[in-house]
């Protein structure tokens, strides 16, 4: 078994993604996809067996095995691994119960109802030690780095404060976000205190992932698109900015190299300019963006983009996939600088892995290799 305490890793053989994330000119665009380790792969179900989703996250051995599955399957086509985990481990560390319901997704049996809720006070007053409570994530990262043997770099990640708050008050996913909107409009001060607490935990959690071996980190604001531009500036952007403003200094305190930082605010197409003005190195795009227009904005600020094919194109056959890749390669300046090829969100269930393989192959073929 690979060690979870030894941090002497083999040298990185494929640093294409890290060079791209730092804005360098490259021979081709690196590629990977969000949720690439997951339920569309038959080998995932074999590794998971009858275990609960969060049980798999809490087992460094299983989490590292699942993380490596797409790296093995798409050997030579894929340029990064992302640790198999979940954004909701932070609310769990804050003392909230989260369970994964088959076919329904995450569920909080006891969400935060109002600021008068005793649980809100407990969450706000609790001293959260993400080093101890999320130790299983760091162990999985370290084990994965050893098992990767330098083949590709490893992403760490966390959920963004606004998205985590959505889950904590809604009790799960939502179509109308009644509780979230009630909180941010009726209880703005209490909402902001909660968001700030989460942001501080995110900084420490990401920093400790880097200590464990993560070589790049991503912040997922999956529900950002539920906000108007004005609300986004109030309850999402300040906390995304807090993370990128404070993480580099925390890494230096921990005597770590400052790693590239990625922000992905799904649905917040209106905020591209503002996100490009933060200290994030890479801005993730969903499929609502026109590649050429987004690329022009990013180039103005010297930022790298990551994305952005509609994941649904993978249901559409080879001709449709080729067309989308052609549009991206052309729109993102030919792919030799400033673009990490990805989907515009996580890969969806029931995708044939061979169609994802074809997507990767087309990125390689059409961008010059």
Protein backbone atom coordinates (compact mmCIF):
# COMPACT_ATOMS: atom_id res chain seq x y z
CA UNK A 1 0.00 0.00 0.00
CA UNK A 2 1.25 3.51 -0.84
CA UNK A 3 2.20 5.58 2.19
CA UNK A 4 -0.07 8.40 3.36
CA UNK A 5 2.65 10.18 5.33
CA UNK A 6 5.66 10.12 2.97
CA UNK A 7 5.60 13.30 0.88
CA UNK A 8 8.61 12.54 -1.30
CA UNK A 9 6.95 12.06 -4.68
CA UNK A 10 8.34 11.00 -8.03
CA UNK A 11 9.09 13.92 -10.40
CA UNK A 12 6.26 15.05 -12.66
CA UNK A 13 6.65 13.60 -16.16
CA UNK A 14 3.77 15.53 -17.75
CA UNK A 15 3.66 19.14 -16.54
CA UNK A 16 1.71 20.43 -19.57
CA UNK A 17 -1.32 21.44 -17.51
CA UNK A 18 0.69 23.29 -14.88
CA UNK A 19 2.65 25.19 -17.55
CA UNK A 20 -0.64 26.11 -19.24
CA UNK A 21 -2.22 27.21 -15.94
CA UNK A 22 0.73 29.55 -15.39
CA UNK A 23 0.08 31.20 -18.76
CA UNK A 24 2.99 29.72 -20.69
CA UNK A 25 2.96 28.90 -24.41
CA UNK A 26 2.53 25.15 -24.88
CA UNK A 27 2.69 22.53 -27.61
CA UNK A 28 -1.01 21.60 -27.27
CA UNK A 29 -3.88 22.30 -24.87
CA UNK A 30 -3.98 19.99 -21.83
CA UNK A 31 -7.26 18.17 -21.27
CA UNK A 32 -9.22 16.55 -18.47
CA UNK A 33 -12.91 16.68 -17.46
CA UNK A 34 -14.76 17.40 -14.26
CA UNK A 35 -16.19 14.28 -12.59
CA UNK A 36 -13.91 12.17 -14.81
CA UNK A 37 -13.66 9.68 -11.93
CA UNK A 38 -17.25 8.63 -11.44
CA UNK A 39 -20.34 6.67 -12.16
CA UNK A 40 -20.18 6.65 -15.98
CA UNK A 41 -17.19 4.26 -15.63
CA UNK A 42 -17.97 0.56 -15.06
CA UNK A 43 -14.78 0.23 -13.00
CA UNK A 44 -16.10 2.90 -10.61
CA UNK A 45 -19.06 0.70 -9.67
CA UNK A 46 -16.73 -2.24 -9.14
CA UNK A 47 -14.47 -0.22 -6.78
CA UNK A 48 -17.45 1.30 -4.94
CA UNK A 49 -19.24 -2.03 -4.49
CA UNK A 50 -22.01 -1.72 -1.91
CA UNK A 51 -20.33 1.10 -0.03
CA UNK A 52 -22.01 4.45 0.54
CA UNK A 53 -20.63 7.37 -1.53
CA UNK A 54 -19.17 9.17 1.49
CA UNK A 55 -17.68 5.89 2.75
CA UNK A 56 -15.68 5.79 -0.49
CA UNK A 57 -14.58 9.39 0.04
CA UNK A 58 -13.44 8.55 3.57
CA UNK A 59 -11.37 5.57 2.47
CA UNK A 60 -8.00 6.81 1.12
CA UNK A 61 -7.46 3.46 -0.60
CA UNK A 62 -10.80 3.51 -2.45
CA UNK A 63 -10.71 7.28 -3.17
CA UNK A 64 -7.22 6.99 -4.67
CA UNK A 65 -8.18 3.93 -6.71
CA UNK A 66 -11.21 5.75 -8.17
CA UNK A 67 -9.14 8.90 -8.84
CA UNK A 68 -6.72 6.87 -10.97
CA UNK A 69 -9.35 5.01 -13.02
CA UNK A 70 -9.65 7.63 -15.81
CA UNK A 71 -5.86 8.14 -15.83
CA UNK A 72 -5.42 4.42 -16.52
CA UNK A 73 -8.30 4.18 -18.99
CA UNK A 74 -7.34 7.30 -20.99
CA UNK A 75 -3.56 6.85 -20.67
CA UNK A 76 -1.69 9.35 -22.85
CA UNK A 77 -4.83 11.37 -23.63
CA UNK A 78 -5.53 13.00 -20.27
CA UNK A 79 -3.33 15.55 -18.52
CA UNK A 80 -4.61 15.76 -14.93
CA UNK A 81 -6.22 13.78 -12.14
CA UNK A 82 -8.69 15.28 -9.67
CA UNK A 83 -9.01 13.75 -6.23
CA UNK A 84 -12.19 11.73 -5.72
CA UNK A 85 -14.02 13.61 -2.98
CA UNK A 86 -17.04 15.88 -2.57
CA UNK A 87 -17.58 19.60 -1.98
CA UNK A 88 -19.83 18.82 1.02
CA UNK A 89 -17.03 17.56 3.26
CA UNK A 90 -16.71 21.14 4.62
CA UNK A 91 -20.31 21.30 5.93
CA UNK A 92 -19.68 17.84 7.40
CA UNK A 93 -16.56 19.18 9.14
CA UNK A 94 -18.73 22.05 10.44
CA UNK A 95 -20.87 19.48 12.23
CA UNK A 96 -23.75 19.08 9.78
CA UNK A 97 -25.00 15.66 8.74
CA UNK A 98 -25.00 14.94 5.00
CA UNK A 99 -26.12 11.70 3.41
CA UNK A 100 -26.07 10.68 -0.27
CA UNK A 101 -29.45 9.39 -1.47
CA UNK A 102 -29.38 7.09 -4.48
CA UNK A 103 -30.90 8.83 -7.47
CA UNK A 104 -31.48 12.06 -5.51
CA UNK A 105 -28.03 13.26 -4.57
CA UNK A 106 -26.88 14.85 -1.30
CA UNK A 107 -29.37 15.42 1.51
CA UNK A 108 -29.05 17.35 4.80
CA UNK A 109 -31.64 15.85 7.18
CA UNK A 110 -31.42 18.95 9.41
CA UNK A 111 -30.68 22.08 7.31
CA UNK A 112 -30.19 25.57 8.73
CA UNK A 113 -33.69 27.09 8.83
CA UNK A 114 -33.16 30.63 10.22
CA UNK A 115 -30.46 32.50 12.17
CA UNK A 116 -32.56 31.79 15.30
CA UNK A 117 -32.05 28.08 14.64
CA UNK A 118 -29.89 26.66 17.47
CA UNK A 119 -27.85 24.82 14.85
CA UNK A 120 -26.86 28.13 13.19
CA UNK A 121 -25.37 29.31 16.49
CA UNK A 122 -23.60 25.98 16.97
CA UNK A 123 -22.16 26.08 13.43
CA UNK A 124 -20.97 29.66 13.90
CA UNK A 125 -19.47 29.05 17.35
CA UNK A 126 -17.89 25.67 16.67
CA UNK A 127 -14.09 25.63 16.38
CA UNK A 128 -13.64 23.63 13.19
CA UNK A 129 -10.37 21.78 12.76
CA UNK A 130 -10.22 20.87 9.07
CA UNK A 131 -6.77 19.37 9.60
CA UNK A 132 -8.12 16.66 11.87
CA UNK A 133 -11.69 16.26 10.59
CA UNK A 134 -10.73 16.02 6.90
CA UNK A 135 -7.54 14.05 7.39
CA UNK A 136 -8.91 11.27 5.16
CA UNK A 137 -8.88 13.66 2.16
CA UNK A 138 -5.21 14.54 2.71
CA UNK A 139 -4.33 10.86 3.10
CA UNK A 140 -6.13 10.10 -0.18
CA UNK A 141 -4.24 12.91 -1.93
CA UNK A 142 -0.85 11.72 -0.68
CA UNK A 143 -1.61 8.11 -1.57
CA UNK A 144 -2.81 9.18 -5.03
CA UNK A 145 0.37 11.19 -5.67
CA UNK A 146 2.43 8.08 -4.91
CA UNK A 147 0.27 5.88 -7.13
CA UNK A 148 0.39 8.40 -9.99
CA UNK A 149 4.19 8.12 -10.08
CA UNK A 150 4.40 11.56 -11.71
CA UNK A 151 2.22 10.65 -14.71
CA UNK A 152 0.03 13.77 -14.45
CA UNK A 153 -0.56 16.53 -11.86
CA UNK A 154 -3.28 16.20 -9.23
CA UNK A 155 -6.08 18.71 -8.61
CA UNK A 156 -7.39 19.38 -5.13
CA UNK A 157 -10.68 21.25 -4.76
CA UNK A 158 -13.36 22.68 -2.54
CA UNK A 159 -16.88 24.04 -2.90
CA UNK A 160 -17.28 27.81 -2.95
CA UNK A 161 -18.84 29.46 0.13
CA UNK A 162 -22.08 30.45 -1.63
CA UNK A 163 -22.67 26.98 -3.09
CA UNK A 164 -21.93 25.31 0.26
CA UNK A 165 -24.32 27.68 2.00
CA UNK A 166 -27.03 26.77 -0.56
CA UNK A 167 -26.77 23.12 0.42
CA UNK A 168 -26.63 23.93 4.14
CA UNK A 169 -29.87 25.92 4.08
CA UNK A 170 -31.78 24.09 1.30
CA UNK A 171 -30.97 20.61 2.60
CA UNK A 172 -29.97 19.51 -0.90
CA UNK A 173 -30.26 20.60 -4.51
CA UNK A 174 -33.16 22.88 -5.47
CA UNK A 175 -35.07 24.24 -8.44
CA UNK A 176 -36.27 27.48 -6.82
CA UNK A 177 -33.71 28.03 -4.02
CA UNK A 178 -36.41 29.32 -1.67
CA UNK A 179 -34.33 28.94 1.48
CA UNK A 180 -31.18 30.40 -0.07
CA UNK A 181 -33.02 33.46 -1.34
CA UNK A 182 -34.80 33.87 2.00
CA UNK A 183 -31.42 33.86 3.78
CA UNK A 184 -29.55 36.24 1.48
CA UNK A 185 -32.39 38.77 1.19
CA UNK A 186 -34.00 38.53 4.66
CA UNK A 187 -30.89 37.75 6.74
CA UNK A 188 -28.03 39.37 4.78
CA UNK A 189 -25.80 40.01 7.79
CA UNK A 190 -26.09 36.47 9.19
CA UNK A 191 -25.62 35.03 5.69
CA UNK A 192 -22.40 36.98 5.25
CA UNK A 193 -21.06 35.82 8.62
CA UNK A 194 -21.69 32.21 7.58
CA UNK A 195 -20.12 32.78 4.14
CA UNK A 196 -17.04 34.33 5.75
CA UNK A 197 -16.63 31.41 8.12
CA UNK A 198 -16.87 28.97 5.21
CA UNK A 199 -14.36 31.02 3.17
CA UNK A 200 -11.81 30.87 5.98
CA UNK A 201 -12.24 27.09 6.23
CA UNK A 202 -11.85 26.79 2.43
CA UNK A 203 -8.46 28.55 2.58
CA UNK A 204 -7.16 26.21 5.27
CA UNK A 205 -8.64 23.12 3.60
CA UNK A 206 -7.07 23.94 0.22
CA UNK A 207 -3.74 24.78 1.84
CA UNK A 208 -3.67 21.42 3.61
CA UNK A 209 -4.53 19.66 0.34
CA UNK A 210 -1.41 21.25 -1.16
CA UNK A 211 0.65 20.14 1.85
CA UNK A 212 -0.67 16.61 1.17
CA UNK A 213 0.36 16.75 -2.49
CA UNK A 214 -2.24 18.65 -4.57
CA UNK A 215 -0.45 20.56 -7.37
CA UNK A 216 -3.33 22.82 -8.47
CA UNK A 217 -6.62 23.67 -6.74
CA UNK A 218 -10.12 24.49 -7.98
CA UNK A 219 -13.03 26.25 -6.27
CA UNK A 220 -16.45 25.08 -7.49
CA UNK A 221 -19.27 27.63 -7.29
CA UNK A 222 -21.83 25.29 -8.82
CA UNK A 223 -24.89 27.41 -7.95
CA UNK A 224 -23.48 30.86 -8.81
CA UNK A 225 -25.83 31.07 -11.79
CA UNK A 226 -28.81 31.27 -9.42
CA UNK A 227 -27.72 34.79 -8.51
CA UNK A 228 -28.33 38.07 -10.30
CA UNK A 229 -25.16 40.03 -11.14
CA UNK A 230 -25.87 42.32 -8.17
CA UNK A 231 -26.40 39.41 -5.75
CA UNK A 232 -23.31 37.63 -7.12
CA UNK A 233 -21.24 40.69 -6.20
CA UNK A 234 -22.74 40.61 -2.70
CA UNK A 235 -22.72 36.97 -1.68
CA UNK A 236 -20.41 35.06 -4.02
CA UNK A 237 -17.59 37.15 -5.48
CA UNK A 238 -16.27 38.60 -2.19
CA UNK A 239 -15.83 35.10 -0.75
CA UNK A 240 -14.30 33.65 -3.93
CA UNK A 241 -11.91 36.61 -3.82
CA UNK A 242 -11.14 36.03 -0.13
CA UNK A 243 -9.95 32.51 -0.99
CA UNK A 244 -7.59 33.55 -3.80
CA UNK A 245 -6.32 36.54 -1.82
CA UNK A 246 -5.46 34.49 1.27
CA UNK A 247 -4.44 31.04 0.01
CA UNK A 248 -1.00 32.02 -1.40
CA UNK A 249 0.05 33.64 1.89
CA UNK A 250 -1.16 30.61 3.87
CA UNK A 251 0.83 28.31 1.58
CA UNK A 252 3.96 30.40 2.16
CA UNK A 253 3.39 30.18 5.94
CA UNK A 254 3.25 26.40 5.56
CA UNK A 255 6.48 26.52 3.49
CA UNK A 256 4.69 25.28 0.39
CA UNK A 257 5.02 26.30 -3.23
CA UNK A 258 2.15 28.57 -4.36
CA UNK A 259 0.11 26.44 -6.77
CA UNK A 260 -2.17 27.62 -9.61
CA UNK A 261 -5.73 28.42 -8.53
CA UNK A 262 -8.86 27.82 -10.63
CA UNK A 263 -12.31 29.35 -10.07
CA UNK A 264 -15.43 27.86 -11.67
CA UNK A 265 -18.60 29.91 -11.15
CA UNK A 266 -21.15 27.94 -13.14
CA UNK A 267 -23.83 30.05 -14.78
CA UNK A 268 -22.24 33.38 -13.82
CA UNK A 269 -21.45 34.26 -17.45
CA UNK A 270 -21.97 37.95 -16.62
CA UNK A 271 -19.06 37.90 -14.16
CA UNK A 272 -16.26 36.82 -16.51
CA UNK A 273 -14.62 40.27 -16.50
CA UNK A 274 -14.76 40.48 -12.70
CA UNK A 275 -13.44 36.94 -12.21
CA UNK A 276 -10.56 37.70 -14.58
CA UNK A 277 -9.64 40.61 -12.32
CA UNK A 278 -9.14 38.36 -9.29
CA UNK A 279 -5.92 36.54 -8.38
CA UNK A 280 -7.15 33.20 -9.74
CA UNK A 281 -4.82 31.98 -12.49
CA UNK A 282 -7.51 30.06 -14.36
CA UNK A 283 -11.21 30.83 -14.87
CA UNK A 284 -13.46 27.85 -15.60
CA UNK A 285 -16.24 28.34 -18.14
CA UNK A 286 -19.54 26.56 -18.57
CA UNK A 287 -21.07 26.07 -22.03
CA UNK A 288 -23.01 29.37 -21.92
CA UNK A 289 -19.85 31.17 -23.07
CA UNK A 290 -18.85 31.76 -26.68
CA UNK A 291 -15.19 30.59 -26.67
CA UNK A 292 -13.90 33.38 -28.91
CA UNK A 293 -15.52 36.16 -26.86
CA UNK A 294 -14.44 34.68 -23.52
CA UNK A 295 -10.91 34.15 -24.80
CA UNK A 296 -10.64 37.83 -25.83
CA UNK A 297 -11.66 38.90 -22.30
CA UNK A 298 -9.25 36.49 -20.62
CA UNK A 299 -6.35 37.50 -22.86
CA UNK A 300 -6.92 41.14 -21.90
CA UNK A 301 -6.25 40.20 -18.27
CA UNK A 302 -3.59 37.55 -18.91
CA UNK A 303 -5.83 34.77 -17.59
CA UNK A 304 -6.15 31.13 -18.65
CA UNK A 305 -9.57 29.61 -19.40
CA UNK A 306 -10.78 26.08 -18.69
CA UNK A 307 -13.77 24.51 -20.43
CA UNK A 308 -16.23 24.53 -21.98
CA UNK A 309 -18.08 21.95 -24.13
CA UNK A 310 -21.67 21.15 -23.26
CA UNK A 311 -21.35 17.75 -21.48
CA UNK A 312 -24.49 16.68 -23.38
CA UNK A 313 -22.55 16.60 -26.65
CA UNK A 314 -21.07 13.29 -25.45
CA UNK A 315 -24.53 11.74 -26.01
CA UNK A 316 -24.57 13.03 -29.59
CA UNK A 317 -22.09 10.87 -31.48
CA UNK A 318 -18.72 11.47 -33.09
CA UNK A 319 -19.71 14.10 -35.66
CA UNK A 320 -21.26 16.33 -32.98
CA UNK A 321 -18.19 15.92 -30.74
CA UNK A 322 -15.83 16.82 -33.60
CA UNK A 323 -17.85 19.97 -34.37
CA UNK A 324 -17.74 21.19 -30.75
CA UNK A 325 -14.00 20.53 -30.46
CA UNK A 326 -13.36 22.40 -33.74
CA UNK A 327 -15.32 25.39 -32.39
CA UNK A 328 -13.36 25.34 -29.13
CA UNK A 329 -9.92 25.00 -30.74
CA UNK A 330 -10.70 27.90 -33.06
CA UNK A 331 -12.35 30.02 -30.35
CA UNK A 332 -9.62 29.48 -27.78
CA UNK A 333 -6.90 30.77 -30.09
CA UNK A 334 -5.73 27.43 -31.46
CA UNK A 335 -5.00 26.01 -28.03
CA UNK A 336 -1.31 26.82 -27.71
CA UNK A 337 -1.74 29.30 -24.84
CA UNK A 338 -4.40 30.18 -22.31
CA UNK A 339 -6.72 27.17 -22.60
CA UNK A 340 -7.23 23.98 -20.60
CA UNK A 341 -9.68 21.80 -22.54
CA UNK A 342 -12.54 20.51 -20.39
CA UNK A 343 -16.31 20.26 -20.38
CA UNK A 344 -18.54 23.11 -19.25
CA UNK A 345 -19.56 21.10 -16.17
CA UNK A 346 -19.06 17.58 -14.84
CA UNK A 347 -19.49 14.60 -17.13
CA UNK A 348 -23.06 13.33 -16.87
CA UNK A 349 -24.27 9.78 -16.12
CA UNK A 350 -24.74 7.19 -18.89
CA UNK A 351 -22.01 8.66 -21.13
CA UNK A 352 -20.19 5.92 -23.01
CA UNK A 353 -16.53 6.14 -21.90
CA UNK A 354 -15.48 5.50 -25.51
CA UNK A 355 -17.22 8.74 -26.53
CA UNK A 356 -15.22 10.63 -23.90
CA UNK A 357 -12.09 8.95 -25.26
CA UNK A 358 -13.03 10.21 -28.73
CA UNK A 359 -13.49 13.73 -27.29
CA UNK A 360 -9.94 13.63 -25.90
CA UNK A 361 -8.58 12.21 -29.14
CA UNK A 362 -10.20 15.00 -31.15
CA UNK A 363 -8.71 17.66 -28.88
CA UNK A 364 -5.27 16.14 -29.53
CA UNK A 365 -5.89 15.78 -33.29
CA UNK A 366 -7.43 19.18 -33.94
CA UNK A 367 -4.99 21.18 -31.82
CA UNK A 368 -1.92 19.98 -33.61
CA UNK A 369 -0.71 16.69 -32.11
